[in-house]
């Protein structure tokens, strides 16, 4: 059985996204969270299915759920979710900040 896990930053990202959406529509926030979990479960079984984001970080992959990109590292056991961010963000600057910390 394959597994998925979230970095502390990915958990923070999800909390912020879902809390923001829940202010206007709690059901939409719950649906988004469920969609992300389902897609993570699928990706854990097929870790290389996501798009390669090697330009941002070596071995980084991602998939889209609604307007959000779930960035992860594949492994033999599943996936490790690094970040969950809006697809509208400046991804290059976001990940250059990641490398500096």
Protein backbone atom coordinates (compact mmCIF):
# COMPACT_ATOMS: atom_id res chain seq x y z
CA UNK A 1 0.00 0.00 0.00
CA UNK A 2 1.27 3.47 -0.90
CA UNK A 3 1.20 6.44 1.43
CA UNK A 4 1.14 10.21 1.24
CA UNK A 5 2.30 12.65 3.85
CA UNK A 6 2.40 16.43 4.16
CA UNK A 7 5.24 18.71 5.16
CA UNK A 8 4.54 21.20 7.94
CA UNK A 9 4.41 23.94 5.30
CA UNK A 10 1.88 21.98 3.18
CA UNK A 11 -0.34 21.59 6.25
CA UNK A 12 -0.08 25.33 6.88
CA UNK A 13 -0.89 26.01 3.21
CA UNK A 14 -3.99 23.78 3.37
CA UNK A 15 -5.17 25.36 6.62
CA UNK A 16 -4.87 28.86 5.18
CA UNK A 17 -6.58 27.94 1.89
CA UNK A 18 -9.44 26.04 3.51
CA UNK A 19 -10.00 28.67 6.22
CA UNK A 20 -10.13 31.41 3.60
CA UNK A 21 -12.63 29.51 1.44
CA UNK A 22 -14.69 28.46 4.49
CA UNK A 23 -15.33 32.11 5.38
CA UNK A 24 -17.61 32.34 2.36
CA UNK A 25 -18.54 28.71 1.75
CA UNK A 26 -17.69 25.98 4.30
CA UNK A 27 -18.96 23.21 2.02
CA UNK A 28 -16.67 24.35 -0.81
CA UNK A 29 -13.70 24.29 1.57
CA UNK A 30 -14.59 20.75 2.64
CA UNK A 31 -15.01 19.63 -0.98
CA UNK A 32 -11.63 21.08 -1.94
CA UNK A 33 -9.93 19.35 0.99
CA UNK A 34 -11.56 16.04 0.02
CA UNK A 35 -10.53 16.45 -3.63
CA UNK A 36 -6.93 17.11 -2.61
CA UNK A 37 -6.86 14.03 -0.38
CA UNK A 38 -8.32 11.83 -3.14
CA UNK A 39 -5.80 13.09 -5.68
CA UNK A 40 -2.95 12.58 -3.18
CA UNK A 41 -4.09 9.00 -2.63
CA UNK A 42 -4.10 8.41 -6.39
CA UNK A 43 -0.68 10.05 -6.81
CA UNK A 44 0.71 7.93 -3.96
CA UNK A 45 -0.15 4.84 -6.00
CA UNK A 46 1.34 6.37 -9.17
CA UNK A 47 4.04 8.75 -7.89
CA UNK A 48 5.35 9.74 -11.32
CA UNK A 49 1.95 10.68 -12.74
CA UNK A 50 2.26 14.36 -11.94
CA UNK A 51 3.90 16.99 -14.09
CA UNK A 52 7.63 17.45 -13.62
CA UNK A 53 8.67 20.73 -12.00
CA UNK A 54 12.42 20.05 -12.18
CA UNK A 55 12.94 23.67 -13.23
CA UNK A 56 11.82 24.72 -9.74
CA UNK A 57 13.47 21.97 -7.68
CA UNK A 58 15.12 18.69 -8.57
CA UNK A 59 12.73 15.70 -8.64
CA UNK A 60 9.73 17.93 -7.81
CA UNK A 61 6.39 16.93 -9.32
CA UNK A 62 2.91 18.39 -9.09
CA UNK A 63 -0.73 18.06 -9.99
CA UNK A 64 -3.61 20.50 -10.12
CA UNK A 65 -6.79 20.48 -8.07
CA UNK A 66 -9.05 23.40 -8.97
CA UNK A 67 -6.75 26.45 -8.99
CA UNK A 68 -4.15 24.91 -6.68
CA UNK A 69 -0.96 23.03 -7.44
CA UNK A 70 0.04 20.23 -5.08
CA UNK A 71 3.83 19.96 -5.22
CA UNK A 72 5.35 16.68 -4.10
CA UNK A 73 8.35 14.40 -4.15
CA UNK A 74 7.74 10.84 -5.37
CA UNK A 75 9.18 7.82 -3.59
CA UNK A 76 8.84 4.05 -3.71
CA UNK A 77 6.41 4.25 -0.77
CA UNK A 78 4.20 7.01 -2.22
CA UNK A 79 4.52 10.80 -2.15
CA UNK A 80 5.64 13.55 0.20
CA UNK A 81 3.62 16.74 -0.33
CA UNK A 82 5.90 19.75 -0.04
CA UNK A 83 3.52 22.66 -0.76
CA UNK A 84 -0.08 23.43 -1.78
CA UNK A 85 -0.22 26.78 -3.56
CA UNK A 86 -2.35 28.82 -5.91
CA UNK A 87 -1.45 28.26 -9.52
CA UNK A 88 -1.52 32.04 -9.92
CA UNK A 89 1.50 32.57 -7.66
CA UNK A 90 4.98 33.33 -8.94
CA UNK A 91 6.29 29.79 -8.57
CA UNK A 92 9.91 30.57 -9.36
CA UNK A 93 10.19 33.15 -6.58
CA UNK A 94 8.23 30.92 -4.20
CA UNK A 95 10.68 28.05 -4.64
CA UNK A 96 13.77 30.26 -4.68
CA UNK A 97 12.60 31.40 -1.22
CA UNK A 98 12.25 27.72 -0.21
CA UNK A 99 15.86 26.99 -1.15
CA UNK A 100 17.14 29.95 0.89
CA UNK A 101 15.59 28.68 4.14
